Amino acid sequence: MGLFSALRTNTTKAKVARVSRATEARIKNILGIRQLEPLPAHAARAFELASDPKTTTSDFVAVIESDEALSARIVRVANSVYFYRGSAATDIEKAVANIGVDELRCILSAAMLKGLLVGRSQARQQIWANAVSAALLARSLARYVGGLTQGEAFLAGLVHDVGKLVMLSRAPALYEKVLSLVAADNKSFIEAEEQIFELNHVEVGTWVAQEWKFPLSIVEAIALHHQAWPTDPNRLKSKGELALLVQISDHLSHAAGIGHAPIFSSFRKKCEADLYRCFPQLGLSSAEGRAMLAQHIQDFEEQYSNFEAEVG
């Protein structure tokens, strides 16, 4: 069985075509990538555990103990104010017990992704904060959608902008220009990226996800999170589409201004104006939706530090 083989999503028919060799060559040429490094086996295993609802505590302990830096990270998180249970965790088994399997799925997948795409620029911190916010929202909102697990929803939200992180890591100065265009000219990220790079983060992210053999539903969430808004206000609940859940979670995060510098106020207001598209998909009134978003902002502030520390 291959990577992510335990997930139901590998048995579904792909909605997104394989990135063509011409597009792959264009991405590599523009970003100066000779060869994308393969997804390390321990990272692939961590992503699989994070998404598989059948994962056990012992599965997590095994993968964490195989990485010294990750082990130290998990113990630190277990002893944080958010997870402290009255006695300090001094080993991995106690740390896993303190954190809990459901929370550990999310922390582990975030640790792996951040360890793969290192960097400390302010722009990266903004993109990462938005990714964590979208992941937490997707996990929370998965309860409105039948057939989706919280772990799968979190992973999809977390990696939906992996293309931005790759573009930023490969061409930080150029991506700063993208951010300036979004802030100053009221452009979308895709419009600004295509002006500066002649490609966009959806193309890059889809290619990376396919190269790393992510589950089909995760690839689709990356490829389709900027799709046209559906005209059916009940499509999310009736179709159970992970990509649409991620699109909504991403949009709500931008509307909340999470990960935004003050100069992005116009972009935030533009996203706020489109909230009417999101709330009906969740079966929420405008008042209920805004209350939910206010609660999310509070929850994000309490939990973000659990996903922020560097690994490796």
Protein backbone atom coordinates (compact mmCIF):
# COMPACT_ATOMS: atom_id res chain seq x y z
CA MET A 1 0.00 0.00 0.00
CA GLY A 2 1.30 3.45 -0.92
CA LEU A 3 1.32 6.76 0.87
CA PHE A 4 -2.03 7.84 2.32
CA SER A 5 -3.47 4.48 1.24
CA ALA A 6 -5.71 4.32 4.29
CA LEU A 7 -7.76 7.30 3.16
CA ARG A 8 -11.08 6.89 1.41
CA THR A 9 -10.22 9.75 -0.95
CA ASN A 10 -7.78 7.71 -3.03
CA THR A 11 -10.66 5.57 -4.28
CA THR A 12 -12.58 8.47 -5.78
CA LYS A 13 -12.35 9.72 -9.34
CA ALA A 14 -10.02 12.69 -9.74
CA LYS A 15 -11.68 16.03 -10.54
CA VAL A 16 -8.34 17.71 -11.23
CA ALA A 17 -6.17 16.70 -14.17
CA ARG A 18 -2.53 15.82 -13.70
CA VAL A 19 -0.35 18.91 -14.11
CA SER A 20 1.08 18.78 -17.64
CA ARG A 21 4.78 18.49 -18.32
CA ALA A 22 4.67 21.89 -19.98
CA THR A 23 3.20 23.50 -16.85
CA GLU A 24 5.68 21.64 -14.65
CA ALA A 25 8.56 22.90 -16.81
CA ARG A 26 7.21 26.46 -16.63
CA ILE A 27 6.94 26.31 -12.83
CA LYS A 28 10.46 24.94 -12.48
CA ASN A 29 11.89 27.52 -14.89
CA ILE A 30 10.21 30.54 -13.29
CA LEU A 31 10.97 29.48 -9.71
CA GLY A 32 14.42 28.08 -10.44
CA ILE A 33 13.58 24.56 -9.28
CA ARG A 34 15.78 21.88 -10.80
CA GLN A 35 14.00 19.05 -9.02
CA LEU A 36 11.37 19.16 -6.29
CA GLU A 37 12.64 17.21 -3.31
CA PRO A 38 10.49 14.15 -2.59
CA LEU A 39 8.31 14.16 0.49
CA PRO A 40 10.39 12.55 3.26
CA ALA A 41 9.03 9.22 4.46
CA HIS A 42 8.54 10.44 8.04
CA ALA A 43 6.58 13.47 6.81
CA ALA A 44 4.41 11.32 4.56
CA ARG A 45 3.72 9.01 7.48
CA ALA A 46 2.85 11.97 9.72
CA PHE A 47 0.40 13.37 7.15
CA GLU A 48 -1.15 9.92 6.76
CA LEU A 49 -1.63 9.54 10.51
CA ALA A 50 -3.07 13.05 10.75
CA SER A 51 -5.72 12.25 8.14
CA ASP A 52 -6.60 8.66 9.03
CA PRO A 53 -9.48 8.41 11.56
CA LYS A 54 -8.28 4.91 12.53
CA THR A 55 -4.91 6.14 13.83
CA THR A 56 -4.11 4.96 17.35
CA THR A 57 -2.07 6.52 20.14
CA SER A 58 0.70 3.99 19.61
CA ASP A 59 0.93 4.99 15.93
CA PHE A 60 1.59 8.59 16.95
CA VAL A 61 4.11 7.61 19.61
CA ALA A 62 6.11 5.58 17.09
CA VAL A 63 6.43 8.35 14.51
CA ILE A 64 7.18 11.05 17.10
CA GLU A 65 9.86 9.00 18.87
CA SER A 66 11.66 8.54 15.55
CA ASP A 67 12.43 12.29 15.38
CA GLU A 68 14.33 13.87 18.27
CA ALA A 69 13.39 17.46 17.42
CA LEU A 70 9.75 16.53 16.97
CA SER A 71 9.78 14.66 20.29
CA ALA A 72 11.05 17.73 22.11
CA ARG A 73 8.46 19.88 20.35
CA ILE A 74 5.56 17.63 21.34
CA VAL A 75 6.67 17.53 24.97
CA ARG A 76 6.88 21.35 25.02
CA VAL A 77 3.39 21.67 23.57
CA ALA A 78 1.99 19.10 26.03
CA ASN A 79 3.35 21.19 28.91
CA SER A 80 1.99 24.47 27.55
CA VAL A 81 -0.78 26.30 29.37
CA TYR A 82 -3.30 25.17 26.75
CA PHE A 83 -2.69 21.44 27.30
CA TYR A 84 -1.31 21.21 30.84
CA ARG A 85 -3.24 18.59 32.81
CA GLY A 86 -1.86 19.13 36.34
CA SER A 87 1.35 17.12 35.97
CA ALA A 88 4.27 17.68 33.61
CA ALA A 89 4.75 15.38 30.61
CA THR A 90 8.28 14.00 30.68
CA ASP A 91 7.97 11.39 27.94
CA ILE A 92 6.19 11.02 24.61
CA GLU A 93 3.43 8.72 25.85
CA LYS A 94 2.45 11.17 28.59
CA ALA A 95 2.70 14.08 26.13
CA VAL A 96 0.42 12.32 23.65
CA ALA A 97 -2.06 11.57 26.45
CA ASN A 98 -2.06 15.23 27.54
CA ILE A 99 -2.60 16.56 24.04
CA GLY A 100 -5.08 13.96 22.85
CA VAL A 101 -5.18 12.17 19.51
CA ASP A 102 -7.49 14.63 17.75
CA GLU A 103 -5.37 17.67 18.59
CA LEU A 104 -2.18 15.75 17.89
CA ARG A 105 -3.28 15.03 14.32
CA CYS A 106 -3.32 18.76 13.66
CA ILE A 107 -0.13 19.65 15.51
CA LEU A 108 1.79 16.86 13.80
CA SER A 109 0.72 17.79 10.27
CA ALA A 110 1.53 21.46 10.93
CA ALA A 111 4.95 20.56 12.33
CA MET A 112 5.77 18.48 9.26
CA LEU A 113 4.69 21.11 6.74
CA LYS A 114 6.49 23.92 8.48
CA GLY A 115 9.62 21.80 8.77
CA LEU A 116 9.56 21.16 5.02
CA LEU A 117 9.17 24.81 4.02
CA VAL A 118 11.50 26.73 6.29
CA GLY A 119 11.89 30.50 6.39
CA ARG A 120 11.43 33.38 8.79
CA SER A 121 10.25 36.33 6.69
CA GLN A 122 7.34 38.45 7.85
CA ALA A 123 5.44 37.50 4.70
CA ARG A 124 5.85 33.82 5.53
CA GLN A 125 4.48 34.38 9.01
CA GLN A 126 1.42 36.07 7.53
CA ILE A 127 0.78 33.23 5.08
CA TRP A 128 1.37 30.63 7.78
CA ALA A 129 -1.06 32.32 10.19
CA ASN A 130 -3.73 32.31 7.49
CA ALA A 131 -3.04 28.64 6.75
CA VAL A 132 -3.40 27.66 10.42
CA SER A 133 -6.57 29.74 10.72
CA ALA A 134 -8.10 28.11 7.62
CA ALA A 135 -7.14 24.68 8.97
CA LEU A 136 -8.73 25.29 12.36
CA LEU A 137 -11.87 26.65 10.72
CA ALA A 138 -12.08 23.74 8.28
CA ARG A 139 -11.76 21.29 11.18
CA SER A 140 -14.46 23.08 13.15
CA LEU A 141 -16.82 23.54 10.20
CA ALA A 142 -16.48 19.92 9.05
CA ARG A 143 -19.34 19.13 11.41
CA TYR A 144 -21.65 20.90 8.95
CA VAL A 145 -20.58 18.55 6.16
CA GLY A 146 -21.32 14.85 5.94
CA GLY A 147 -18.58 12.38 5.04
CA LEU A 148 -15.58 14.50 5.99
CA THR A 149 -13.27 13.80 8.92
CA GLN A 150 -11.86 16.61 11.02
CA GLY A 151 -8.28 15.45 10.41
CA GLU A 152 -8.73 15.50 6.64
CA ALA A 153 -10.40 18.92 6.81
CA PHE A 154 -7.57 20.33 8.94
CA LEU A 155 -4.87 19.02 6.60
CA ALA A 156 -6.64 20.42 3.54
CA GLY A 157 -6.99 23.84 5.17
CA LEU A 158 -3.37 23.79 6.29
CA VAL A 159 -1.88 23.01 2.86
CA HIS A 160 -4.32 24.95 0.66
CA ASP A 161 -1.75 27.72 0.13
CA VAL A 162 1.34 25.52 -0.07
CA GLY A 163 1.97 27.12 -3.47
CA LYS A 164 2.40 30.52 -1.83
CA LEU A 165 4.92 29.09 0.63
CA VAL A 166 6.92 27.48 -2.17
CA MET A 167 6.89 30.67 -4.26
CA LEU A 168 7.93 32.73 -1.25
CA SER A 169 10.73 30.34 -0.31
CA ARG A 170 12.07 30.29 -3.89
CA ALA A 171 11.64 33.98 -4.76
CA PRO A 172 11.07 36.01 -1.58
CA ALA A 173 11.77 39.43 -3.14
CA LEU A 174 9.32 38.82 -5.97
CA TYR A 175 6.65 37.55 -3.61
CA GLU A 176 7.00 40.70 -1.52
CA LYS A 177 5.99 42.55 -4.70
CA VAL A 178 2.91 40.33 -4.93
CA LEU A 179 1.93 41.31 -1.39
CA SER A 180 2.44 44.98 -2.22
CA LEU A 181 0.15 44.71 -5.24
CA VAL A 182 -2.56 42.98 -3.21
CA ALA A 183 -2.34 45.67 -0.53
CA ALA A 184 -2.04 48.73 -2.76
CA ASP A 185 -3.94 47.88 -5.95
CA ASN A 186 -6.82 45.85 -4.52
CA LYS A 187 -5.81 42.86 -6.63
CA SER A 188 -6.46 39.25 -5.69
CA PHE A 189 -3.42 37.10 -4.89
CA ILE A 190 -3.84 35.19 -8.15
CA GLU A 191 -4.00 38.42 -10.19
CA ALA A 192 -0.92 39.82 -8.48
CA GLU A 193 1.03 36.55 -8.78
CA GLU A 194 0.31 36.26 -12.47
CA GLN A 195 1.43 39.86 -13.01
CA ILE A 196 4.74 39.28 -11.19
CA PHE A 197 5.48 35.60 -11.86
CA GLU A 198 3.30 34.71 -14.85
CA LEU A 199 1.98 31.82 -12.77
CA ASN A 200 -0.04 31.52 -9.56
CA HIS A 201 -0.02 29.68 -6.26
CA VAL A 202 -2.84 27.36 -7.29
CA GLU A 203 -0.76 26.00 -10.18
CA VAL A 204 2.32 25.64 -8.00
CA GLY A 205 0.42 24.12 -5.09
CA THR A 206 -1.39 21.59 -7.28
CA TRP A 207 1.89 20.48 -8.82
CA VAL A 208 3.59 20.13 -5.41
CA ALA A 209 0.63 18.19 -3.97
CA GLN A 210 0.62 15.79 -6.92
CA GLU A 211 4.39 15.32 -6.75
CA TRP A 212 4.11 14.57 -3.04
CA LYS A 213 1.25 12.13 -3.72
CA PHE A 214 -1.27 13.83 -1.46
CA PRO A 215 -4.76 12.27 -1.38
CA LEU A 216 -7.02 13.25 -4.27
CA SER A 217 -9.32 15.29 -2.05
CA ILE A 218 -6.37 17.32 -0.73
CA VAL A 219 -5.09 17.95 -4.26
CA GLU A 220 -8.58 19.07 -5.25
CA ALA A 221 -8.86 21.38 -2.26
CA ILE A 222 -5.62 23.08 -3.30
CA ALA A 223 -6.57 23.24 -6.98
CA LEU A 224 -10.15 24.42 -6.47
CA HIS A 225 -10.08 26.74 -3.46
CA HIS A 226 -10.41 29.74 -5.79
CA GLN A 227 -13.19 28.24 -7.91
CA ALA A 228 -16.22 30.35 -8.79
CA TRP A 229 -18.69 30.57 -5.93
CA PRO A 230 -21.53 28.06 -6.36
CA THR A 231 -24.98 29.41 -7.17
CA ASP A 232 -26.58 26.70 -5.01
CA PRO A 233 -26.53 27.98 -1.39
CA ASN A 234 -26.82 24.40 -0.11
CA ARG A 235 -24.04 22.88 -2.18
CA LEU A 236 -21.64 22.33 0.72
CA LYS A 237 -24.16 20.41 2.79
CA SER A 238 -25.61 18.50 -0.16
CA LYS A 239 -22.34 17.60 -1.92
CA GLY A 240 -19.90 17.46 1.02
CA GLU A 241 -17.07 18.99 -1.03
CA LEU A 242 -13.81 19.38 0.85
CA ALA A 243 -12.58 21.97 -1.67
CA LEU A 244 -15.60 24.20 -1.01
CA LEU A 245 -15.17 23.82 2.75
CA VAL A 246 -11.55 24.98 2.39
CA GLN A 247 -12.59 27.85 0.11
CA ILE A 248 -15.04 29.05 2.75
CA SER A 249 -12.54 28.61 5.58
CA ASP A 250 -9.89 30.54 3.65
CA HIS A 251 -12.34 33.34 2.87
CA LEU A 252 -13.50 33.60 6.47
CA SER A 253 -9.89 33.79 7.65
CA HIS A 254 -9.15 36.65 5.26
CA ALA A 255 -12.36 38.43 6.27
CA ALA A 256 -11.21 38.15 9.89
CA GLY A 257 -7.88 39.71 8.94
CA ILE A 258 -5.89 36.80 10.36
CA GLY A 259 -2.32 36.92 9.11
CA HIS A 260 -2.82 40.37 7.59
CA ALA A 261 -0.60 43.37 8.06
CA PRO A 262 -2.50 46.68 8.53
CA ILE A 263 -1.89 47.61 4.88
CA PHE A 264 -4.26 44.80 3.83
CA SER A 265 -7.34 46.59 5.16
CA SER A 266 -8.86 47.02 1.67
CA PHE A 267 -8.35 43.35 0.85
CA ARG A 268 -9.94 42.38 4.16
CA LYS A 269 -12.98 44.58 3.49
CA LYS A 270 -13.35 43.01 0.06
CA CYS A 271 -13.47 39.57 1.70
CA GLU A 272 -15.90 40.79 4.36
CA ALA A 273 -18.26 41.97 1.62
CA ASP A 274 -18.44 38.40 0.31
CA LEU A 275 -19.33 36.76 3.61
CA TYR A 276 -22.93 36.47 2.42
CA ARG A 277 -21.70 33.71 0.11
CA CYS A 278 -20.21 31.68 2.98
CA PHE A 279 -22.77 31.63 5.77
CA PRO A 280 -25.69 30.06 3.81
CA GLN A 281 -23.43 27.16 2.82
CA LEU A 282 -23.02 26.45 6.54
CA GLY A 283 -26.71 26.87 7.28
CA LEU A 284 -25.99 29.99 9.33
CA SER A 285 -27.68 33.38 9.38
CA SER A 286 -25.51 36.47 9.05
CA ALA A 287 -25.69 37.06 12.82
CA GLU A 288 -24.86 33.41 13.59
CA GLY A 289 -22.01 33.44 11.08
CA ARG A 290 -20.45 36.59 12.50
CA ALA A 291 -20.74 35.22 16.03
CA MET A 292 -19.03 32.01 14.87
CA LEU A 293 -16.24 34.02 13.25
CA ALA A 294 -15.73 36.13 16.38
CA GLN A 295 -15.42 32.93 18.42
CA HIS A 296 -12.93 31.56 15.89
CA ILE A 297 -10.72 34.64 16.25
CA GLN A 298 -10.62 34.05 20.00
CA ASP A 299 -9.91 30.33 19.58
CA PHE A 300 -7.18 31.06 17.03
CA GLU A 301 -5.41 33.43 19.40
CA GLU A 302 -5.48 30.77 22.13
CA GLN A 303 -4.24 27.94 19.92
CA TYR A 304 -1.87 29.49 17.37
CA SER A 305 1.26 29.09 19.49
CA ASN A 306 0.77 25.32 19.37
CA PHE A 307 1.45 25.40 15.61
CA GLU A 308 4.05 28.15 15.53
CA ALA A 309 7.29 26.73 16.97
CA GLU A 310 9.87 25.54 14.46
CA VAL A 311 10.76 21.87 14.08
CA GLY A 312 14.18 20.69 12.93
